[in-house]
PDB file of N, CA and C in Angstrom:
ATOM      1  N   MET A   1       0.648  -1.234  -0.349  1.00  0.00           N
ATOM      2  CA  MET A   1      -0.278   0.093  -0.278  1.00  0.00           C
ATOM      3  C   MET A   1       0.568   1.454  -0.006  1.00  0.00           C
ATOM      4  N   THR A   2       1.922   1.316   0.588  1.00  0.00           N
ATOM      5  CA  THR A   2       2.823   2.306   0.844  1.00  0.00           C
ATOM      6  C   THR A   2       3.377   2.864  -0.637  1.00  0.00           C
ATOM      7  N   SER A   3       3.808   2.041  -1.404  1.00  0.00           N
ATOM      8  CA  SER A   3       4.481   1.678  -2.840  1.00  0.00           C
ATOM      9  C   SER A   3       2.926   2.997  -3.537  1.00  0.00           C
ATOM     10  N   LEU A   4       1.857   2.506  -3.773  1.00  0.00           N
ATOM     11  CA  LEU A   4       0.643   3.093  -3.955  1.00  0.00           C
ATOM     12  C   LEU A   4       0.587   4.461  -3.576  1.00  0.00           C
ATOM     13  N   ASN A   5       0.685   4.673  -2.432  1.00  0.00           N
ATOM     14  CA  ASN A   5       0.462   5.988  -1.563  1.00  0.00           C
ATOM     15  C   ASN A   5       2.004   6.934  -2.357  1.00  0.00           C
ATOM     16  N   ASP A   6       3.073   6.304  -2.415  1.00  0.00           N
ATOM     17  CA  ASP A   6       3.952   7.376  -2.929  1.00  0.00           C
ATOM     18  C   ASP A   6       3.976   7.468  -4.661  1.00  0.00           C
ATOM     19  N   ARG A   7       2.995   6.701  -4.999  1.00  0.00           N
ATOM     20  CA  ARG A   7       2.689   7.103  -6.556  1.00  0.00           C
ATOM     21  C   ARG A   7       1.979   8.331  -6.703  1.00  0.00           C
ATOM     22  N   GLU A   8       0.835   8.371  -6.034  1.00  0.00           N
ATOM     23  CA  GLU A   8      -0.073   9.249  -5.875  1.00  0.00           C
ATOM     24  C   GLU A   8       0.560  10.286  -5.354  1.00  0.00           C
ATOM     25  N   LYS A   9       1.198  10.705  -4.547  1.00  0.00           N
ATOM     26  CA  LYS A   9       2.283  11.462  -3.732  1.00  0.00           C
ATOM     27  C   LYS A   9       3.206  11.974  -5.318  1.00  0.00           C
ATOM     28  N   ALA A  10       3.613  11.394  -5.840  1.00  0.00           N
ATOM     29  CA  ALA A  10       4.507  11.790  -6.927  1.00  0.00           C
ATOM     30  C   ALA A  10       3.747  12.233  -7.752  1.00  0.00           C
ATOM     31  N   PHE A  11       2.726  11.732  -8.152  1.00  0.00           N
ATOM     32  CA  PHE A  11       1.609  12.033  -9.033  1.00  0.00           C
ATOM     33  C   PHE A  11       1.210  13.516  -8.835  1.00  0.00           C
ATOM     34  N   GLU A  12       0.897  13.684  -7.364  1.00  0.00           N
ATOM     35  CA  GLU A  12       0.329  15.119  -7.132  1.00  0.00           C
ATOM     36  C   GLU A  12       1.552  16.284  -7.156  1.00  0.00           C
ATOM     37  N   ASN A  13       2.987  16.049  -6.845  1.00  0.00           N
ATOM     38  CA  ASN A  13       3.779  16.699  -6.672  1.00  0.00           C
ATOM     39  C   ASN A  13       4.276  17.212  -8.263  1.00  0.00           C
ATOM     40  N   LYS A  14       4.175  16.210  -9.237  1.00  0.00           N
ATOM     41  CA  LYS A  14       4.017  16.650 -10.326  1.00  0.00           C
ATOM     42  C   LYS A  14       3.290  17.634 -11.424  1.00  0.00           C
ATOM     43  N   PHE A  15       1.808  17.013 -10.932  1.00  0.00           N
ATOM     44  CA  PHE A  15       0.894  18.284 -10.889  1.00  0.00           C
ATOM     45  C   PHE A  15       1.071  19.836 -10.826  1.00  0.00           C
ATOM     46  N   ALA A  16       1.320  19.630  -9.014  1.00  0.00           N
ATOM     47  CA  ALA A  16       1.745  20.913  -8.654  1.00  0.00           C
ATOM     48  C   ALA A  16       2.509  21.706  -9.310  1.00  0.00           C
ATOM     49  N   HIS A  17       3.828  20.834  -9.790  1.00  0.00           N
ATOM     50  CA  HIS A  17       5.185  21.401 -10.227  1.00  0.00           C
ATOM     51  C   HIS A  17       4.698  22.082 -11.625  1.00  0.00           C
ATOM     52  N   ASP A  18       4.083  20.882 -12.838  1.00  0.00           N
ATOM     53  CA  ASP A  18       3.699  21.713 -14.062  1.00  0.00           C
ATOM     54  C   ASP A  18       2.867  22.834 -14.256  1.00  0.00           C
ATOM     55  N   GLN A  19       1.548  22.782 -12.626  1.00  0.00           N
ATOM     56  CA  GLN A  19       0.691  24.068 -12.938  1.00  0.00           C
ATOM     57  C   GLN A  19       1.714  25.497 -12.592  1.00  0.00           C
ATOM     58  N   GLU A  20       2.660  25.084 -11.358  1.00  0.00           N
ATOM     59  CA  GLU A  20       3.547  26.340 -11.044  1.00  0.00           C
ATOM     60  C   GLU A  20       4.520  26.765 -12.159  1.00  0.00           C
ATOM     61  N   MET A  21       4.928  25.558 -13.270  1.00  0.00           N
ATOM     62  CA  MET A  21       5.426  26.076 -14.379  1.00  0.00           C
ATOM     63  C   MET A  21       4.742  27.010 -15.451  1.00  0.00           C
ATOM     64  N   LYS A  22       3.609  26.453 -15.453  1.00  0.00           N
ATOM     65  CA  LYS A  22       2.629  26.862 -16.249  1.00  0.00           C
ATOM     66  C   LYS A  22       1.950  28.577 -15.860  1.00  0.00           C
ATOM     67  N   PHE A  23       2.075  28.656 -14.514  1.00  0.00           N
ATOM     68  CA  PHE A  23       1.516  29.928 -14.225  1.00  0.00           C
ATOM     69  C   PHE A  23       3.181  31.044 -14.338  1.00  0.00           C
ATOM     70  N   LYS A  24       4.034  30.696 -14.212  1.00  0.00           N
ATOM     71  CA  LYS A  24       5.555  31.109 -14.392  1.00  0.00           C
ATOM     72  C   LYS A  24       5.333  31.633 -16.053  1.00  0.00           C
ATOM     73  N   ALA A  25       5.172  30.280 -16.750  1.00  0.00           N
ATOM     74  CA  ALA A  25       5.278  30.557 -18.257  1.00  0.00           C
ATOM     75  C   ALA A  25       4.012  31.885 -18.762  1.00  0.00           C
ATOM     76  N   GLU A  26       3.168  31.641 -18.198  1.00  0.00           N
ATOM     77  CA  GLU A  26       1.904  32.506 -18.601  1.00  0.00           C
ATOM     78  C   GLU A  26       2.520  34.133 -18.003  1.00  0.00           C
ATOM     79  N   ALA A  27       2.696  34.413 -16.936  1.00  0.00           N
ATOM     80  CA  ALA A  27       3.079  35.656 -15.907  1.00  0.00           C
ATOM     81  C   ALA A  27       4.519  36.246 -16.819  1.00  0.00           C
ATOM     82  N   ARG A  28       5.207  35.334 -17.514  1.00  0.00           N
ATOM     83  CA  ARG A  28       6.320  35.739 -17.995  1.00  0.00           C
ATOM     84  C   ARG A  28       6.256  36.274 -19.692  1.00  0.00           C
ATOM     85  N   ALA A  29       5.018  35.504 -20.478  1.00  0.00           N
ATOM     86  CA  ALA A  29       4.685  36.031 -21.685  1.00  0.00           C
ATOM     87  C   ALA A  29       3.963  37.372 -21.653  1.00  0.00           C
ATOM     88  N   ASN A  30       3.472  37.588 -20.445  1.00  0.00           N
ATOM     89  CA  ASN A  30       2.447  38.462 -20.195  1.00  0.00           C
ATOM     90  C   ASN A  30       3.258  39.689 -20.334  1.00  0.00           C
ATOM     91  N   LYS A  31       4.571  39.481 -19.146  1.00  0.00           N
ATOM     92  CA  LYS A  31       5.377  40.771 -19.255  1.00  0.00           C
ATOM     93  C   LYS A  31       6.044  40.889 -20.361  1.00  0.00           C
ATOM     94  N   LEU A  32       6.586  40.136 -20.882  1.00  0.00           N
ATOM     95  CA  LEU A  32       7.028  40.713 -22.049  1.00  0.00           C
ATOM     96  C   LEU A  32       6.222  41.042 -23.402  1.00  0.00           C
ATOM     97  N   LEU A  33       4.693  40.834 -23.508  1.00  0.00           N
ATOM     98  CA  LEU A  33       4.010  41.416 -24.010  1.00  0.00           C
ATOM     99  C   LEU A  33       4.219  42.590 -23.995  1.00  0.00           C
ATOM    100  N   GLY A  34       3.436  42.726 -22.650  1.00  0.00           N
ATOM    101  CA  GLY A  34       3.597  44.521 -21.759  1.00  0.00           C
ATOM    102  C   GLY A  34       5.003  45.302 -22.104  1.00  0.00           C
ATOM    103  N   LEU A  35       6.249  44.849 -21.966  1.00  0.00           N
ATOM    104  CA  LEU A  35       7.021  45.511 -22.521  1.00  0.00           C
ATOM    105  C   LEU A  35       7.221  45.629 -24.286  1.00  0.00           C
ATOM    106  N   TRP A  36       6.798  45.024 -24.920  1.00  0.00           N
ATOM    107  CA  TRP A  36       6.539  44.988 -25.956  1.00  0.00           C
ATOM    108  C   TRP A  36       5.760  46.192 -26.991  1.00  0.00           C
ATOM    109  N   ALA A  37       4.439  46.130 -25.708  1.00  0.00           N
ATOM    110  CA  ALA A  37       3.563  47.241 -25.906  1.00  0.00           C
ATOM    111  C   ALA A  37       4.194  48.124 -25.813  1.00  0.00           C
ATOM    112  N   ALA A  38       5.102  48.766 -24.800  1.00  0.00           N
ATOM    113  CA  ALA A  38       5.273  49.808 -23.993  1.00  0.00           C
ATOM    114  C   ALA A  38       6.118  50.154 -24.955  1.00  0.00           C
ATOM    115  N   GLU A  39       7.146  49.759 -25.846  1.00  0.00           N
ATOM    116  CA  GLU A  39       7.881  49.982 -26.507  1.00  0.00           C
ATOM    117  C   GLU A  39       7.275  50.687 -27.955  1.00  0.00           C
ATOM    118  N   LYS A  40       6.163  49.810 -27.887  1.00  0.00           N
ATOM    119  CA  LYS A  40       4.914  50.599 -29.391  1.00  0.00           C
ATOM    120  C   LYS A  40       4.945  51.633 -28.832  1.00  0.00           C
ATOM    121  N   MET A  41       4.283  51.841 -27.509  1.00  0.00           N
ATOM    122  CA  MET A  41       3.665  53.199 -27.370  1.00  0.00           C
ATOM    123  C   MET A  41       4.881  54.116 -26.768  1.00  0.00           C
ATOM    124  N   GLY A  42       5.847  54.031 -27.039  1.00  0.00           N
ATOM    125  CA  GLY A  42       7.084  55.027 -26.511  1.00  0.00           C
ATOM    126  C   GLY A  42       7.468  55.138 -25.081  1.00  0.00           C
ATOM    127  N   ILE A  43       7.092  54.218 -24.396  1.00  0.00           N
ATOM    128  CA  ILE A  43       7.384  54.042 -22.872  1.00  0.00           C
ATOM    129  C   ILE A  43       8.769  53.053 -22.739  1.00  0.00           C
ATOM    130  N   SER A  44       9.481  54.051 -21.573  1.00  0.00           N
ATOM    131  CA  SER A  44      10.929  53.126 -21.756  1.00  0.00           C
ATOM    132  C   SER A  44      11.199  52.908 -20.221  1.00  0.00           C
ATOM    133  N   GLY A  45      12.252  52.364 -19.838  1.00  0.00           N
ATOM    134  CA  GLY A  45      12.792  52.315 -18.661  1.00  0.00           C
ATOM    135  C   GLY A  45      11.780  51.798 -17.459  1.00  0.00           C
ATOM    136  N   ASP A  46      12.036  52.396 -16.162  1.00  0.00           N
ATOM    137  CA  ASP A  46      11.039  52.200 -15.012  1.00  0.00           C
ATOM    138  C   ASP A  46       9.471  52.056 -15.526  1.00  0.00           C
ATOM    139  N   ASP A  47       9.149  53.164 -16.270  1.00  0.00           N
ATOM    140  CA  ASP A  47       7.961  52.993 -16.864  1.00  0.00           C
ATOM    141  C   ASP A  47       7.379  51.853 -17.523  1.00  0.00           C
ATOM    142  N   ALA A  48       8.220  51.567 -18.348  1.00  0.00           N
ATOM    143  CA  ALA A  48       8.193  50.315 -19.021  1.00  0.00           C
ATOM    144  C   ALA A  48       7.742  49.148 -18.661  1.00  0.00           C
ATOM    145  N   ASP A  49       8.699  48.903 -17.424  1.00  0.00           N
ATOM    146  CA  ASP A  49       8.491  48.030 -16.440  1.00  0.00           C
ATOM    147  C   ASP A  49       7.288  48.151 -15.727  1.00  0.00           C
ATOM    148  N   ALA A  50       6.722  49.174 -15.039  1.00  0.00           N
ATOM    149  CA  ALA A  50       5.612  49.637 -14.686  1.00  0.00           C
ATOM    150  C   ALA A  50       4.288  49.157 -15.587  1.00  0.00           C
ATOM    151  N   TYR A  51       4.528  49.549 -16.686  1.00  0.00           N
ATOM    152  CA  TYR A  51       3.244  49.315 -17.443  1.00  0.00           C
ATOM    153  C   TYR A  51       3.282  47.891 -17.986  1.00  0.00           C
ATOM    154  N   ALA A  52       4.583  47.235 -18.061  1.00  0.00           N
ATOM    155  CA  ALA A  52       4.430  45.541 -18.099  1.00  0.00           C
ATOM    156  C   ALA A  52       3.681  44.565 -16.739  1.00  0.00           C
ATOM    157  N   LYS A  53       3.512  45.430 -15.512  1.00  0.00           N
ATOM    158  CA  LYS A  53       2.873  44.610 -14.330  1.00  0.00           C
ATOM    159  C   LYS A  53       2.161  44.789 -14.520  1.00  0.00           C
ATOM    160  N   THR A  54       1.325  46.215 -15.128  1.00  0.00           N
ATOM    161  CA  THR A  54       0.131  45.792 -15.513  1.00  0.00           C
ATOM    162  C   THR A  54      -0.563  44.789 -16.325  1.00  0.00           C
ATOM    163  N   VAL A  55      -0.118  44.816 -17.210  1.00  0.00           N
ATOM    164  CA  VAL A  55      -0.546  43.882 -18.039  1.00  0.00           C
ATOM    165  C   VAL A  55      -0.548  42.263 -17.716  1.00  0.00           C
ATOM    166  N   VAL A  56       0.145  42.268 -16.481  1.00  0.00           N
ATOM    167  CA  VAL A  56       0.501  40.798 -15.740  1.00  0.00           C
ATOM    168  C   VAL A  56      -0.561  40.642 -14.896  1.00  0.00           C
ATOM    169  N   ILE A  57      -1.024  41.540 -14.137  1.00  0.00           N
ATOM    170  CA  ILE A  57      -1.991  41.871 -13.369  1.00  0.00           C
ATOM    171  C   ILE A  57      -3.518  41.844 -14.177  1.00  0.00           C
ATOM    172  N   ALA A  58      -3.284  42.388 -15.507  1.00  0.00           N
ATOM    173  CA  ALA A  58      -4.675  42.620 -16.082  1.00  0.00           C
ATOM    174  C   ALA A  58      -5.003  40.768 -16.266  1.00  0.00           C
ATOM    175  N   ASP A  59      -4.123  39.712 -16.293  1.00  0.00           N
ATOM    176  CA  ASP A  59      -4.487  38.214 -16.854  1.00  0.00           C
ATOM    177  C   ASP A  59      -5.151  37.942 -15.308  1.00  0.00           C
ATOM    178  N   PHE A  60      -5.412  38.429 -14.057  1.00  0.00           N
ATOM    179  CA  PHE A  60      -6.316  37.816 -13.227  1.00  0.00           C
ATOM    180  C   PHE A  60      -7.571  37.986 -13.138  1.00  0.00           C
ATOM    181  N   GLU A  61      -7.839  38.902 -14.490  1.00  0.00           N
ATOM    182  CA  GLU A  61      -9.261  39.313 -14.513  1.00  0.00           C
ATOM    183  C   GLU A  61     -10.346  38.207 -14.835  1.00  0.00           C
ATOM    184  N   GLU A  62      -9.941  37.411 -15.586  1.00  0.00           N
ATOM    185  CA  GLU A  62     -10.619  35.729 -16.032  1.00  0.00           C
ATOM    186  C   GLU A  62      -9.755  35.129 -16.763  1.00  0.00           C
ATOM    187  N   ALA A  63     -10.696  34.063 -16.626  1.00  0.00           N
ATOM    188  CA  ALA A  63      -9.648  32.788 -17.129  1.00  0.00           C
ATOM    189  C   ALA A  63      -9.439  33.116 -18.322  1.00  0.00           C
ATOM    190  N   GLY A  64      -8.262  32.332 -19.129  1.00  0.00           N
ATOM    191  CA  GLY A  64      -7.883  32.613 -20.760  1.00  0.00           C
ATOM    192  C   GLY A  64      -7.129  33.794 -20.621  1.00  0.00           C
ATOM    193  N   HIS A  65      -6.690  34.299 -22.150  1.00  0.00           N
ATOM    194  CA  HIS A  65      -5.922  35.142 -22.561  1.00  0.00           C
ATOM    195  C   HIS A  65      -7.052  36.492 -23.137  1.00  0.00           C
ATOM    196  N   GLU A  66      -7.800  36.537 -22.945  1.00  0.00           N
ATOM    197  CA  GLU A  66      -8.421  37.875 -23.459  1.00  0.00           C
ATOM    198  C   GLU A  66      -8.666  38.660 -23.183  1.00  0.00           C
ATOM    199  N   ASP A  67      -8.480  38.679 -21.474  1.00  0.00           N
ATOM    200  CA  ASP A  67      -8.335  39.822 -20.767  1.00  0.00           C
ATOM    201  C   ASP A  67      -7.087  40.389 -21.299  1.00  0.00           C
ATOM    202  N   VAL A  68      -5.975  40.011 -21.031  1.00  0.00           N
ATOM    203  CA  VAL A  68      -4.457  40.297 -21.520  1.00  0.00           C
ATOM    204  C   VAL A  68      -4.553  41.234 -22.736  1.00  0.00           C
ATOM    205  N   PHE A  69      -5.271  40.348 -24.057  1.00  0.00           N
ATOM    206  CA  PHE A  69      -5.612  40.979 -25.207  1.00  0.00           C
ATOM    207  C   PHE A  69      -6.416  42.289 -25.225  1.00  0.00           C
ATOM    208  N   ARG A  70      -7.495  42.567 -24.467  1.00  0.00           N
ATOM    209  CA  ARG A  70      -8.218  43.447 -24.208  1.00  0.00           C
ATOM    210  C   ARG A  70      -7.491  44.637 -23.723  1.00  0.00           C
ATOM    211  N   LYS A  71      -6.342  44.622 -22.831  1.00  0.00           N
ATOM    212  CA  LYS A  71      -5.980  45.312 -21.771  1.00  0.00           C
ATOM    213  C   LYS A  71      -4.838  45.998 -22.928  1.00  0.00           C
ATOM    214  N   VAL A  72      -4.137  45.166 -23.631  1.00  0.00           N
ATOM    215  CA  VAL A  72      -3.433  46.025 -24.781  1.00  0.00           C
ATOM    216  C   VAL A  72      -4.118  46.154 -25.725  1.00  0.00           C
ATOM    217  N   ARG A  73      -4.904  46.132 -26.442  1.00  0.00           N
ATOM    218  CA  ARG A  73      -6.000  46.622 -27.607  1.00  0.00           C
ATOM    219  C   ARG A  73      -6.526  47.471 -26.799  1.00  0.00           C
ATOM    220  N   GLY A  74      -6.961  47.941 -25.537  1.00  0.00           N
ATOM    221  CA  GLY A  74      -7.427  49.017 -25.337  1.00  0.00           C
ATOM    222  C   GLY A  74      -6.454  50.075 -25.367  1.00  0.00           C
ATOM    223  N   ASP A  75      -5.147  49.808 -24.701  1.00  0.00           N
ATOM    224  CA  ASP A  75      -4.096  50.941 -24.427  1.00  0.00           C
ATOM    225  C   ASP A  75      -3.399  51.607 -25.830  1.00  0.00           C
ATOM    226  N   PHE A  76      -3.458  50.447 -26.878  1.00  0.00           N
ATOM    227  CA  PHE A  76      -3.167  50.979 -27.997  1.00  0.00           C
ATOM    228  C   PHE A  76      -4.031  51.605 -28.702  1.00  0.00           C
ATOM    229  N   ASP A  77      -5.345  51.753 -28.595  1.00  0.00           N
ATOM    230  CA  ASP A  77      -6.760  52.577 -29.160  1.00  0.00           C
ATOM    231  C   ASP A  77      -6.317  53.735 -28.360  1.00  0.00           C
ATOM    232  N   ALA A  78      -6.006  54.122 -27.082  1.00  0.00           N
ATOM    233  CA  ALA A  78      -6.227  54.857 -26.624  1.00  0.00           C
ATOM    234  C   ALA A  78      -5.036  55.807 -26.823  1.00  0.00           C
ATOM    235  N   LYS A  79      -4.092  55.116 -27.276  1.00  0.00           N
ATOM    236  CA  LYS A  79      -2.773  56.109 -27.709  1.00  0.00           C
ATOM    237  C   LYS A  79      -2.455  56.136 -29.627  1.00  0.00           C
ATOM    238  N   ASN A  80      -3.512  55.760 -29.740  1.00  0.00           N
ATOM    239  CA  ASN A  80      -3.824  55.417 -31.543  1.00  0.00           C
ATOM    240  C   ASN A  80      -2.687  55.196 -32.070  1.00  0.00           C
ATOM    241  N   ILE A  81      -1.810  53.883 -31.180  1.00  0.00           N
ATOM    242  CA  ILE A  81      -0.803  53.054 -31.957  1.00  0.00           C
ATOM    243  C   ILE A  81      -1.696  51.887 -32.919  1.00  0.00           C
ATOM    244  N   ALA A  82      -1.519  52.069 -34.121  1.00  0.00           N
ATOM    245  CA  ALA A  82      -1.611  51.368 -35.315  1.00  0.00           C
ATOM    246  C   ALA A  82      -1.278  49.840 -35.306  1.00  0.00           C
ATOM    247  N   VAL A  83      -1.729  48.977 -34.629  1.00  0.00           N
ATOM    248  CA  VAL A  83      -1.768  47.475 -34.604  1.00  0.00           C
ATOM    249  C   VAL A  83      -2.496  47.056 -34.597  1.00  0.00           C
ATOM    250  N   SER A  84      -2.588  46.095 -35.567  1.00  0.00           N
ATOM    251  CA  SER A  84      -3.726  45.227 -35.888  1.00  0.00           C
ATOM    252  C   SER A  84      -3.861  43.866 -34.913  1.00  0.00           C
ATOM    253  N   ASP A  85      -5.137  43.487 -34.585  1.00  0.00           N
ATOM    254  CA  ASP A  85      -5.764  42.508 -33.447  1.00  0.00           C
ATOM    255  C   ASP A  85      -4.499  41.266 -33.935  1.00  0.00           C
ATOM    256  N   GLU A  86      -4.427  40.819 -34.867  1.00  0.00           N
ATOM    257  CA  GLU A  86      -3.474  39.572 -35.564  1.00  0.00           C
ATOM    258  C   GLU A  86      -2.457  40.122 -35.206  1.00  0.00           C
ATOM    259  N   GLU A  87      -1.821  41.274 -35.290  1.00  0.00           N
ATOM    260  CA  GLU A  87      -0.604  41.212 -34.785  1.00  0.00           C
ATOM    261  C   GLU A  87      -0.185  40.875 -33.087  1.00  0.00           C
ATOM    262  N   ILE A  88      -1.046  41.582 -32.485  1.00  0.00           N
ATOM    263  CA  ILE A  88      -1.464  41.440 -31.193  1.00  0.00           C
ATOM    264  C   ILE A  88      -1.022  40.122 -30.524  1.00  0.00           C
ATOM    265  N   ARG A  89      -2.181  39.347 -31.229  1.00  0.00           N
ATOM    266  CA  ARG A  89      -1.994  37.680 -31.162  1.00  0.00           C
ATOM    267  C   ARG A  89      -0.934  37.018 -31.662  1.00  0.00           C
ATOM    268  N   ALA A  90      -0.486  37.133 -32.371  1.00  0.00           N
ATOM    269  CA  ALA A  90       0.525  36.638 -33.089  1.00  0.00           C
ATOM    270  C   ALA A  90       1.656  37.139 -31.855  1.00  0.00           C
ATOM    271  N   LYS A  91       2.014  38.053 -31.768  1.00  0.00           N
ATOM    272  CA  LYS A  91       3.095  38.297 -30.906  1.00  0.00           C
ATOM    273  C   LYS A  91       2.876  37.901 -29.044  1.00  0.00           C
ATOM    274  N   MET A  92       1.499  37.715 -29.088  1.00  0.00           N
ATOM    275  CA  MET A  92       1.078  36.784 -27.605  1.00  0.00           C
ATOM    276  C   MET A  92       1.636  35.538 -27.734  1.00  0.00           C
ATOM    277  N   LEU A  93       1.167  34.646 -28.808  1.00  0.00           N
ATOM    278  CA  LEU A  93       1.580  33.286 -29.344  1.00  0.00           C
ATOM    279  C   LEU A  93       2.962  33.352 -29.173  1.00  0.00           C
ATOM    280  N   GLU A  94       3.416  34.154 -30.083  1.00  0.00           N
ATOM    281  CA  GLU A  94       5.619  34.206 -30.151  1.00  0.00           C
ATOM    282  C   GLU A  94       6.196  34.062 -29.332  1.00  0.00           C
ATOM    283  N   LEU A  95       5.749  35.195 -28.241  1.00  0.00           N
ATOM    284  CA  LEU A  95       5.938  35.246 -26.631  1.00  0.00           C
ATOM    285  C   LEU A  95       5.625  34.104 -25.808  1.00  0.00           C
ATOM    286  N   ALA A  96       4.538  33.237 -25.733  1.00  0.00           N
ATOM    287  CA  ALA A  96       4.249  32.529 -25.099  1.00  0.00           C
ATOM    288  C   ALA A  96       5.418  31.436 -25.086  1.00  0.00           C
ATOM    289  N   HIS A  97       5.742  31.311 -26.422  1.00  0.00           N
ATOM    290  CA  HIS A  97       6.695  30.242 -26.568  1.00  0.00           C
ATOM    291  C   HIS A  97       8.353  30.896 -26.237  1.00  0.00           C
ATOM    292  N   ILE A  98       8.550  32.044 -26.210  1.00  0.00           N
ATOM    293  CA  ILE A  98      10.044  32.431 -25.465  1.00  0.00           C
ATOM    294  C   ILE A  98       9.769  32.133 -24.306  1.00  0.00           C
ATOM    295  N   ALA A  99       8.680  32.626 -23.728  1.00  0.00           N
ATOM    296  CA  ALA A  99       8.176  32.272 -22.151  1.00  0.00           C
ATOM    297  C   ALA A  99       8.638  31.076 -21.380  1.00  0.00           C
ATOM    298  N   ILE A 100       7.911  29.893 -22.298  1.00  0.00           N
ATOM    299  CA  ILE A 100       8.319  28.751 -21.886  1.00  0.00           C
ATOM    300  C   ILE A 100       9.377  28.335 -22.213  1.00  0.00           C
ATOM    301  N   GLU A 101      10.214  28.623 -23.200  1.00  0.00           N
ATOM    302  CA  GLU A 101      11.988  28.481 -23.413  1.00  0.00           C
ATOM    303  C   GLU A 101      12.981  28.545 -22.460  1.00  0.00           C
ATOM    304  N   GLN A 102      12.458  29.814 -22.184  1.00  0.00           N
ATOM    305  CA  GLN A 102      12.792  30.644 -20.522  1.00  0.00           C
ATOM    306  C   GLN A 102      12.668  30.319 -19.482  1.00  0.00           C
ATOM    307  N   ILE A 103      11.970  29.596 -19.355  1.00  0.00           N
ATOM    308  CA  ILE A 103      11.355  28.715 -17.993  1.00  0.00           C
ATOM    309  C   ILE A 103      11.908  27.590 -17.973  1.00  0.00           C
ATOM    310  N   GLN A 104      11.879  26.818 -18.820  1.00  0.00           N
ATOM    311  CA  GLN A 104      12.560  25.507 -18.891  1.00  0.00           C
ATOM    312  C   GLN A 104      13.930  25.871 -18.944  1.00  0.00           C
ATOM    313  N   ALA A 105      14.707  26.634 -19.388  1.00  0.00           N
ATOM    314  CA  ALA A 105      15.909  26.774 -18.857  1.00  0.00           C
ATOM    315  C   ALA A 105      16.572  27.290 -18.031  1.00  0.00           C
ATOM    316  N   GLU A 106      15.595  28.155 -16.874  1.00  0.00           N
ATOM    317  CA  GLU A 106      15.838  28.115 -15.936  1.00  0.00           C
ATOM    318  C   GLU A 106      16.510  27.251 -14.646  1.00  0.00           C
TER     319      GLU A 106
END
């Protein structure tokens, strides 16, 4: 019975680890997206870092990535930055892959 309990505990630990890695990768991707968007809007330095944090925080509004998309889209619209929805979504996907690679390399 002990080996069954050990296997169950190992699966629970792996699941928890995988969830933590997923969370870290999503947060990293959102930060990278925020930095990219900040650059597009002419924001740099500490202000760019602060803006990137607002993008990360936007992801806590609802499940999925639409909240992040709406945040960046709305900010671009407010500043009259000509970036298409498709470009934002493509950048989100690209940065998600980069974030995963960065997290796995740590």
